[in-house]
Amino acid sequence: MGKAIYFNVPCTIFHNALETDKSFMEALFKVTDFILYDACKAMYKSRLDADEIKKKVAGYHINYFDPISSWKRGEALYIELVEKAKFAPAYFSISRESYWRFHDEESTEFDRALLLAYLAVKSMVGKRDMIRTNMAAICSRMDGNTRPKGIINLSDSVKKYLNRYWSKKLLEALFEKRGVTFYGGNSKHKVRGFYCSTTLTMEELITRAEADMKERRNRPKDLLKEAKKAALSKLQAESP
């Protein structure tokens, strides 16, 4: 079995992608334009060769395009989303198989939301074992934002997943279909948001999360003890 191939693109490509079937497909088309250009950007624009581009991206299984036109569209996207971005964009990493499945087969709005939620969580966790986050941050990344934006700025199609019913359904699907583990999120944990991981088992995540919560609860006490000790030492040193 060969090594899995992933398409790595700025999350901003998927801004407003869930609004309509058309907007989602347009985002997918942008993905292939971007990855083609990214793989071939060393080529000189004045000397582009369609056959050479096709050889370069043969592993992507892109067989339906005009490669030179795609390269030019990809260049425009790269300039807009990477070179001219105010700050470095967060990236989504979608497997080739997932990409073509969504490109070629019918999918529901929830199927697409689940895909974007998974890509969002993966990009937020990165190389870490776990993170502490919340639904607002996940929804913001799903909507193509590198940095969290206020709820009012989210597209309506993503904002709905802040609703208790839809957020619960989405998190359950992420666990059952994508293996993402979650822990926390209620008042008894006395912590905002919840912990999540794309690699840890539920038992491992609970163990790590409980240790982190304990450390956070003890941190103010430890700081108070250290401050009191330092103050007393200073007073003792200053006394005659």
C-alpha atoms as a PDB file:
ATOM      1  CA  MET A   1       0.000   0.000   0.000  1.00  0.00           C
ATOM      2  CA  GLY A   2       1.493   3.331  -1.105  1.00  0.00           C
ATOM      3  CA  LYS A   3       1.972   6.379   1.033  1.00  0.00           C
ATOM      4  CA  ALA A   4      -1.166   8.497   1.447  1.00  0.00           C
ATOM      5  CA  ILE A   5      -1.205  11.699  -0.587  1.00  0.00           C
ATOM      6  CA  TYR A   6      -2.610  14.886   0.941  1.00  0.00           C
ATOM      7  CA  PHE A   7      -3.664  18.162  -0.616  1.00  0.00           C
ATOM      8  CA  ASN A   8      -2.449  20.998   1.604  1.00  0.00           C
ATOM      9  CA  VAL A   9      -4.225  24.295   1.028  1.00  0.00           C
ATOM     10  CA  PRO A  10      -4.967  27.494   2.995  1.00  0.00           C
ATOM     11  CA  CYS A  11      -8.171  27.106   4.985  1.00  0.00           C
ATOM     12  CA  THR A  12      -9.332  30.404   3.461  1.00  0.00           C
ATOM     13  CA  ILE A  13     -10.129  28.537   0.235  1.00  0.00           C
ATOM     14  CA  PHE A  14     -13.161  27.113   2.071  1.00  0.00           C
ATOM     15  CA  HIS A  15     -14.549  30.456   3.256  1.00  0.00           C
ATOM     16  CA  ASN A  16     -18.345  30.311   2.828  1.00  0.00           C
ATOM     17  CA  ALA A  17     -17.988  26.885   1.183  1.00  0.00           C
ATOM     18  CA  LEU A  18     -21.026  25.467   2.977  1.00  0.00           C
ATOM     19  CA  GLU A  19     -23.406  28.169   1.751  1.00  0.00           C
ATOM     20  CA  THR A  20     -24.558  26.238  -1.341  1.00  0.00           C
ATOM     21  CA  ASP A  21     -23.708  23.140  -3.385  1.00  0.00           C
ATOM     22  CA  LYS A  22     -22.126  25.457  -5.953  1.00  0.00           C
ATOM     23  CA  SER A  23     -19.916  27.278  -3.424  1.00  0.00           C
ATOM     24  CA  PHE A  24     -18.612  23.948  -2.093  1.00  0.00           C
ATOM     25  CA  MET A  25     -17.723  22.712  -5.581  1.00  0.00           C
ATOM     26  CA  GLU A  26     -16.047  26.038  -6.378  1.00  0.00           C
ATOM     27  CA  ALA A  27     -13.893  25.586  -3.274  1.00  0.00           C
ATOM     28  CA  LEU A  28     -12.926  22.079  -4.455  1.00  0.00           C
ATOM     29  CA  PHE A  29     -11.947  23.441  -7.877  1.00  0.00           C
ATOM     30  CA  LYS A  30      -9.762  26.025  -6.152  1.00  0.00           C
ATOM     31  CA  VAL A  31      -8.035  23.225  -4.239  1.00  0.00           C
ATOM     32  CA  THR A  32      -6.788  21.546  -7.425  1.00  0.00           C
ATOM     33  CA  ASP A  33      -5.706  24.879  -8.909  1.00  0.00           C
ATOM     34  CA  PHE A  34      -3.783  25.732  -5.754  1.00  0.00           C
ATOM     35  CA  ILE A  35      -2.012  22.395  -5.311  1.00  0.00           C
ATOM     36  CA  LEU A  36      -1.105  22.272  -9.010  1.00  0.00           C
ATOM     37  CA  TYR A  37       0.489  25.703  -8.846  1.00  0.00           C
ATOM     38  CA  ASP A  38       2.153  24.972  -5.518  1.00  0.00           C
ATOM     39  CA  ALA A  39       3.762  21.857  -7.003  1.00  0.00           C
ATOM     40  CA  CYS A  40       4.836  23.659 -10.184  1.00  0.00           C
ATOM     41  CA  LYS A  41       5.477  27.241  -9.081  1.00  0.00           C
ATOM     42  CA  ALA A  42       9.177  26.936  -9.890  1.00  0.00           C
ATOM     43  CA  MET A  43       8.228  26.879 -13.586  1.00  0.00           C
ATOM     44  CA  TYR A  44       8.609  30.122 -15.503  1.00  0.00           C
ATOM     45  CA  LYS A  45       5.263  31.610 -16.484  1.00  0.00           C
ATOM     46  CA  SER A  46       6.503  32.402 -19.993  1.00  0.00           C
ATOM     47  CA  ARG A  47       7.668  28.829 -20.543  1.00  0.00           C
ATOM     48  CA  LEU A  48       4.865  26.728 -19.136  1.00  0.00           C
ATOM     49  CA  ASP A  49       4.596  23.250 -20.609  1.00  0.00           C
ATOM     50  CA  ALA A  50       1.308  21.381 -20.241  1.00  0.00           C
ATOM     51  CA  ASP A  51       2.909  17.952 -20.455  1.00  0.00           C
ATOM     52  CA  GLU A  52       5.501  18.823 -17.819  1.00  0.00           C
ATOM     53  CA  ILE A  53       2.788  20.076 -15.463  1.00  0.00           C
ATOM     54  CA  LYS A  54       0.802  16.865 -15.955  1.00  0.00           C
ATOM     55  CA  LYS A  55       3.873  14.772 -15.122  1.00  0.00           C
ATOM     56  CA  LYS A  56       4.527  16.842 -12.010  1.00  0.00           C
ATOM     57  CA  VAL A  57       1.042  16.287 -10.592  1.00  0.00           C
ATOM     58  CA  ALA A  58       0.336  12.806 -11.968  1.00  0.00           C
ATOM     59  CA  GLY A  59      -0.089  11.443  -8.441  1.00  0.00           C
ATOM     60  CA  TYR A  60      -2.947  13.859  -7.756  1.00  0.00           C
ATOM     61  CA  HIS A  61      -5.179  12.115 -10.348  1.00  0.00           C
ATOM     62  CA  ILE A  62      -6.175  15.442 -11.934  1.00  0.00           C
ATOM     63  CA  ASN A  63      -7.148  14.425 -15.453  1.00  0.00           C
ATOM     64  CA  TYR A  64      -9.874  16.821 -16.505  1.00  0.00           C
ATOM     65  CA  PHE A  65      -8.154  20.210 -16.693  1.00  0.00           C
ATOM     66  CA  ASP A  66      -6.329  22.626 -18.933  1.00  0.00           C
ATOM     67  CA  PRO A  67      -3.078  22.554 -16.911  1.00  0.00           C
ATOM     68  CA  ILE A  68      -1.786  25.962 -17.997  1.00  0.00           C
ATOM     69  CA  SER A  69      -5.065  27.729 -17.162  1.00  0.00           C
ATOM     70  CA  SER A  70      -5.157  25.877 -13.833  1.00  0.00           C
ATOM     71  CA  TRP A  71      -1.560  26.978 -13.106  1.00  0.00           C
ATOM     72  CA  LYS A  72      -2.512  30.620 -13.727  1.00  0.00           C
ATOM     73  CA  ARG A  73      -5.607  30.409 -11.511  1.00  0.00           C
ATOM     74  CA  GLY A  74      -3.492  28.716  -8.842  1.00  0.00           C
ATOM     75  CA  GLU A  75      -0.909  31.483  -9.065  1.00  0.00           C
ATOM     76  CA  ALA A  76      -3.613  34.103  -8.477  1.00  0.00           C
ATOM     77  CA  LEU A  77      -4.877  32.153  -5.454  1.00  0.00           C
ATOM     78  CA  TYR A  78      -1.352  31.777  -4.069  1.00  0.00           C
ATOM     79  CA  ILE A  79      -0.699  35.505  -4.364  1.00  0.00           C
ATOM     80  CA  GLU A  80      -4.053  36.402  -2.774  1.00  0.00           C
ATOM     81  CA  LEU A  81      -4.153  33.822   0.030  1.00  0.00           C
ATOM     82  CA  VAL A  82      -0.477  33.402   0.887  1.00  0.00           C
ATOM     83  CA  GLU A  83       1.767  36.200  -0.374  1.00  0.00           C
ATOM     84  CA  LYS A  84      -0.659  39.066   0.305  1.00  0.00           C
ATOM     85  CA  ALA A  85      -2.221  37.624   3.457  1.00  0.00           C
ATOM     86  CA  LYS A  86      -1.897  39.794   6.587  1.00  0.00           C
ATOM     87  CA  PHE A  87      -0.541  36.769   8.433  1.00  0.00           C
ATOM     88  CA  ALA A  88       0.432  33.228   7.510  1.00  0.00           C
ATOM     89  CA  PRO A  89      -2.727  31.213   6.780  1.00  0.00           C
ATOM     90  CA  ALA A  90      -3.658  28.017   8.575  1.00  0.00           C
ATOM     91  CA  TYR A  91      -3.719  25.028   6.254  1.00  0.00           C
ATOM     92  CA  PHE A  92      -6.193  22.217   5.695  1.00  0.00           C
ATOM     93  CA  SER A  93      -4.761  18.825   4.768  1.00  0.00           C
ATOM     94  CA  ILE A  94      -7.296  16.735   2.867  1.00  0.00           C
ATOM     95  CA  SER A  95      -6.443  13.244   1.630  1.00  0.00           C
ATOM     96  CA  ARG A  96      -6.568  12.659  -2.100  1.00  0.00           C
ATOM     97  CA  GLU A  97      -9.202   9.953  -1.617  1.00  0.00           C
ATOM     98  CA  SER A  98     -11.468  12.203   0.465  1.00  0.00           C
ATOM     99  CA  TYR A  99     -11.069  15.025  -2.021  1.00  0.00           C
ATOM    100  CA  TRP A 100     -12.110  12.975  -5.042  1.00  0.00           C
ATOM    101  CA  ARG A 101     -14.931  11.289  -3.148  1.00  0.00           C
ATOM    102  CA  PHE A 102     -16.489  14.677  -2.389  1.00  0.00           C
ATOM    103  CA  HIS A 103     -15.702  15.892  -5.896  1.00  0.00           C
ATOM    104  CA  ASP A 104     -17.230  12.933  -7.717  1.00  0.00           C
ATOM    105  CA  GLU A 105     -19.995  11.673  -5.434  1.00  0.00           C
ATOM    106  CA  GLU A 106     -23.124  13.248  -3.997  1.00  0.00           C
ATOM    107  CA  SER A 107     -22.881  14.481  -0.414  1.00  0.00           C
ATOM    108  CA  THR A 108     -25.212  16.121   2.054  1.00  0.00           C
ATOM    109  CA  GLU A 109     -24.627  19.483   3.697  1.00  0.00           C
ATOM    110  CA  PHE A 110     -23.853  17.660   6.946  1.00  0.00           C
ATOM    111  CA  ASP A 111     -21.310  15.403   5.191  1.00  0.00           C
ATOM    112  CA  ARG A 112     -19.492  18.522   4.027  1.00  0.00           C
ATOM    113  CA  ALA A 113     -19.713  20.173   7.426  1.00  0.00           C
ATOM    114  CA  LEU A 114     -18.233  17.031   8.971  1.00  0.00           C
ATOM    115  CA  LEU A 115     -15.353  17.133   6.481  1.00  0.00           C
ATOM    116  CA  LEU A 116     -14.609  20.794   7.228  1.00  0.00           C
ATOM    117  CA  ALA A 117     -14.921  20.220  10.981  1.00  0.00           C
ATOM    118  CA  TYR A 118     -12.397  17.379  10.763  1.00  0.00           C
ATOM    119  CA  LEU A 119      -9.998  19.452   8.660  1.00  0.00           C
ATOM    120  CA  ALA A 120     -10.456  22.342  11.102  1.00  0.00           C
ATOM    121  CA  VAL A 121      -9.690  20.252  14.178  1.00  0.00           C
ATOM    122  CA  LYS A 122      -6.684  18.631  12.486  1.00  0.00           C
ATOM    123  CA  SER A 123      -5.240  22.007  11.551  1.00  0.00           C
ATOM    124  CA  MET A 124      -5.816  23.359  15.064  1.00  0.00           C
ATOM    125  CA  VAL A 125      -4.254  20.359  16.822  1.00  0.00           C
ATOM    126  CA  GLY A 126      -1.310  20.217  14.414  1.00  0.00           C
ATOM    127  CA  LYS A 127       1.536  18.102  15.797  1.00  0.00           C
ATOM    128  CA  ARG A 128       0.317  18.303  19.394  1.00  0.00           C
ATOM    129  CA  ASP A 129      -1.323  15.414  21.221  1.00  0.00           C
ATOM    130  CA  MET A 130      -4.281  17.498  22.325  1.00  0.00           C
ATOM    131  CA  ILE A 131      -5.596  21.035  22.579  1.00  0.00           C
ATOM    132  CA  ARG A 132      -8.201  22.878  24.625  1.00  0.00           C
ATOM    133  CA  THR A 133     -10.690  24.628  22.370  1.00  0.00           C
ATOM    134  CA  ASN A 134     -14.413  25.357  21.898  1.00  0.00           C
ATOM    135  CA  MET A 135     -17.098  25.180  19.216  1.00  0.00           C
ATOM    136  CA  ALA A 136     -16.764  28.849  18.296  1.00  0.00           C
ATOM    137  CA  ALA A 137     -13.081  28.338  17.418  1.00  0.00           C
ATOM    138  CA  ILE A 138     -13.816  25.165  15.441  1.00  0.00           C
ATOM    139  CA  CYS A 139     -16.642  26.856  13.528  1.00  0.00           C
ATOM    140  CA  SER A 140     -14.429  29.844  12.767  1.00  0.00           C
ATOM    141  CA  ARG A 141     -11.758  27.572  11.263  1.00  0.00           C
ATOM    142  CA  MET A 142     -14.427  25.623   9.356  1.00  0.00           C
ATOM    143  CA  ASP A 143     -15.442  28.947   7.831  1.00  0.00           C
ATOM    144  CA  GLY A 144     -11.927  29.527   6.533  1.00  0.00           C
ATOM    145  CA  ASN A 145     -10.556  31.808   9.226  1.00  0.00           C
ATOM    146  CA  THR A 146      -6.971  31.367  10.386  1.00  0.00           C
ATOM    147  CA  ARG A 147      -7.656  33.381  13.536  1.00  0.00           C
ATOM    148  CA  PRO A 148     -10.919  33.061  15.474  1.00  0.00           C
ATOM    149  CA  LYS A 149     -13.546  35.624  14.541  1.00  0.00           C
ATOM    150  CA  GLY A 150     -16.585  36.731  16.481  1.00  0.00           C
ATOM    151  CA  ILE A 151     -19.736  34.691  16.063  1.00  0.00           C
ATOM    152  CA  ILE A 152     -21.420  37.589  14.290  1.00  0.00           C
ATOM    153  CA  ASN A 153     -18.853  37.328  11.473  1.00  0.00           C
ATOM    154  CA  LEU A 154     -19.442  33.645  10.746  1.00  0.00           C
ATOM    155  CA  SER A 155     -21.445  32.589   7.707  1.00  0.00           C
ATOM    156  CA  ASP A 156     -24.958  31.372   8.558  1.00  0.00           C
ATOM    157  CA  SER A 157     -24.207  27.893   7.214  1.00  0.00           C
ATOM    158  CA  VAL A 158     -21.445  27.447   9.808  1.00  0.00           C
ATOM    159  CA  LYS A 159     -23.012  29.481  12.603  1.00  0.00           C
ATOM    160  CA  LYS A 160     -25.771  26.892  12.933  1.00  0.00           C
ATOM    161  CA  TYR A 161     -23.241  24.433  14.388  1.00  0.00           C
ATOM    162  CA  LEU A 162     -23.008  26.603  17.484  1.00  0.00           C
ATOM    163  CA  ASN A 163     -26.543  25.486  18.253  1.00  0.00           C
ATOM    164  CA  ARG A 164     -26.522  22.840  21.009  1.00  0.00           C
ATOM    165  CA  TYR A 165     -28.272  20.185  18.883  1.00  0.00           C
ATOM    166  CA  TRP A 166     -26.026  20.629  15.848  1.00  0.00           C
ATOM    167  CA  SER A 167     -22.792  21.002  17.804  1.00  0.00           C
ATOM    168  CA  LYS A 168     -23.553  17.777  19.711  1.00  0.00           C
ATOM    169  CA  LYS A 169     -24.359  15.977  16.471  1.00  0.00           C
ATOM    170  CA  LEU A 170     -21.174  17.235  14.819  1.00  0.00           C
ATOM    171  CA  LEU A 171     -18.900  16.297  17.729  1.00  0.00           C
ATOM    172  CA  GLU A 172     -20.475  12.844  17.967  1.00  0.00           C
ATOM    173  CA  ALA A 173     -19.923  12.297  14.227  1.00  0.00           C
ATOM    174  CA  LEU A 174     -16.306  13.445  14.520  1.00  0.00           C
ATOM    175  CA  PHE A 175     -15.768  10.800  17.193  1.00  0.00           C
ATOM    176  CA  GLU A 176     -17.688   7.975  15.522  1.00  0.00           C
ATOM    177  CA  LYS A 177     -16.576   8.518  11.901  1.00  0.00           C
ATOM    178  CA  ARG A 178     -13.238  10.300  12.207  1.00  0.00           C
ATOM    179  CA  GLY A 179     -11.887   9.060  15.534  1.00  0.00           C
ATOM    180  CA  VAL A 180     -11.536  12.528  17.081  1.00  0.00           C
ATOM    181  CA  THR A 181     -11.786  12.317  20.867  1.00  0.00           C
ATOM    182  CA  PHE A 182     -13.329  14.998  23.091  1.00  0.00           C
ATOM    183  CA  TYR A 183     -13.485  15.490  26.833  1.00  0.00           C
ATOM    184  CA  GLY A 184     -14.913  18.219  29.037  1.00  0.00           C
ATOM    185  CA  GLY A 185     -17.353  20.886  28.063  1.00  0.00           C
ATOM    186  CA  ASN A 186     -19.621  20.907  31.099  1.00  0.00           C
ATOM    187  CA  SER A 187     -19.751  22.859  34.346  1.00  0.00           C
ATOM    188  CA  LYS A 188     -18.409  20.088  36.603  1.00  0.00           C
ATOM    189  CA  HIS A 189     -15.016  20.305  34.896  1.00  0.00           C
ATOM    190  CA  LYS A 190     -14.771  24.011  35.744  1.00  0.00           C
ATOM    191  CA  VAL A 191     -12.923  24.702  32.492  1.00  0.00           C
ATOM    192  CA  ARG A 192     -14.034  26.649  29.449  1.00  0.00           C
ATOM    193  CA  GLY A 193     -14.426  24.683  26.243  1.00  0.00           C
ATOM    194  CA  PHE A 194     -13.200  21.105  25.953  1.00  0.00           C
ATOM    195  CA  TYR A 195     -10.126  19.053  25.166  1.00  0.00           C
ATOM    196  CA  CYS A 196      -9.769  17.247  21.863  1.00  0.00           C
ATOM    197  CA  SER A 197      -7.267  15.038  20.081  1.00  0.00           C
ATOM    198  CA  THR A 198      -6.864  13.367  16.705  1.00  0.00           C
ATOM    199  CA  THR A 199      -4.416  10.743  18.002  1.00  0.00           C
ATOM    200  CA  LEU A 200      -5.192   9.946  21.656  1.00  0.00           C
ATOM    201  CA  THR A 201      -7.702   7.328  22.739  1.00  0.00           C
ATOM    202  CA  MET A 202     -10.535   8.467  24.978  1.00  0.00           C
ATOM    203  CA  GLU A 203      -8.808   6.985  28.031  1.00  0.00           C
ATOM    204  CA  GLU A 204      -5.521   8.689  27.141  1.00  0.00           C
ATOM    205  CA  LEU A 205      -7.249  12.017  26.520  1.00  0.00           C
ATOM    206  CA  ILE A 206      -9.138  11.884  29.826  1.00  0.00           C
ATOM    207  CA  THR A 207      -5.913  11.124  31.708  1.00  0.00           C
ATOM    208  CA  ARG A 208      -4.052  13.997  30.035  1.00  0.00           C
ATOM    209  CA  ALA A 209      -6.968  16.423  30.330  1.00  0.00           C
ATOM    210  CA  GLU A 210      -7.538  15.713  34.030  1.00  0.00           C
ATOM    211  CA  ALA A 211      -3.827  16.267  34.711  1.00  0.00           C
ATOM    212  CA  ASP A 212      -3.952  19.560  32.809  1.00  0.00           C
ATOM    213  CA  MET A 213      -7.058  20.726  34.670  1.00  0.00           C
ATOM    214  CA  LYS A 214      -5.464  19.851  38.019  1.00  0.00           C
ATOM    215  CA  GLU A 215      -2.361  21.831  37.075  1.00  0.00           C
ATOM    216  CA  ARG A 216      -4.500  24.821  36.061  1.00  0.00           C
ATOM    217  CA  ARG A 217      -6.447  24.710  39.338  1.00  0.00           C
ATOM    218  CA  ASN A 218      -3.238  24.550  41.384  1.00  0.00           C
ATOM    219  CA  ARG A 219      -1.412  27.230  39.418  1.00  0.00           C
ATOM    220  CA  PRO A 220      -2.971  30.252  41.247  1.00  0.00           C
ATOM    221  CA  LYS A 221      -2.270  28.594  44.623  1.00  0.00           C
ATOM    222  CA  ASP A 222       1.357  27.926  43.685  1.00  0.00           C
ATOM    223  CA  LEU A 223       1.803  31.497  42.459  1.00  0.00           C
ATOM    224  CA  LEU A 224       0.312  32.825  45.706  1.00  0.00           C
ATOM    225  CA  LYS A 225       2.669  30.670  47.782  1.00  0.00           C
ATOM    226  CA  GLU A 226       5.683  31.827  45.779  1.00  0.00           C
ATOM    227  CA  ALA A 227       4.657  35.485  46.056  1.00  0.00           C
ATOM    228  CA  LYS A 228       4.084  35.187  49.806  1.00  0.00           C
ATOM    229  CA  LYS A 229       7.447  33.450  50.281  1.00  0.00           C
ATOM    230  CA  ALA A 230       9.246  36.147  48.262  1.00  0.00           C
ATOM    231  CA  ALA A 231       7.525  38.946  50.198  1.00  0.00           C
ATOM    232  CA  LEU A 232       8.395  37.416  53.570  1.00  0.00           C
ATOM    233  CA  SER A 233      12.018  36.895  52.526  1.00  0.00           C
ATOM    234  CA  LYS A 234      12.233  40.526  51.439  1.00  0.00           C
ATOM    235  CA  LEU A 235      10.747  41.761  54.714  1.00  0.00           C
ATOM    236  CA  GLN A 236      13.138  39.585  56.695  1.00  0.00           C
ATOM    237  CA  ALA A 237      16.110  40.908  54.752  1.00  0.00           C
ATOM    238  CA  GLU A 238      15.029  44.519  55.317  1.00  0.00           C
ATOM    239  CA  SER A 239      14.403  44.131  59.072  1.00  0.00           C
ATOM    240  CA  PRO A 240      17.189  45.471  61.375  1.00  0.00           C
END
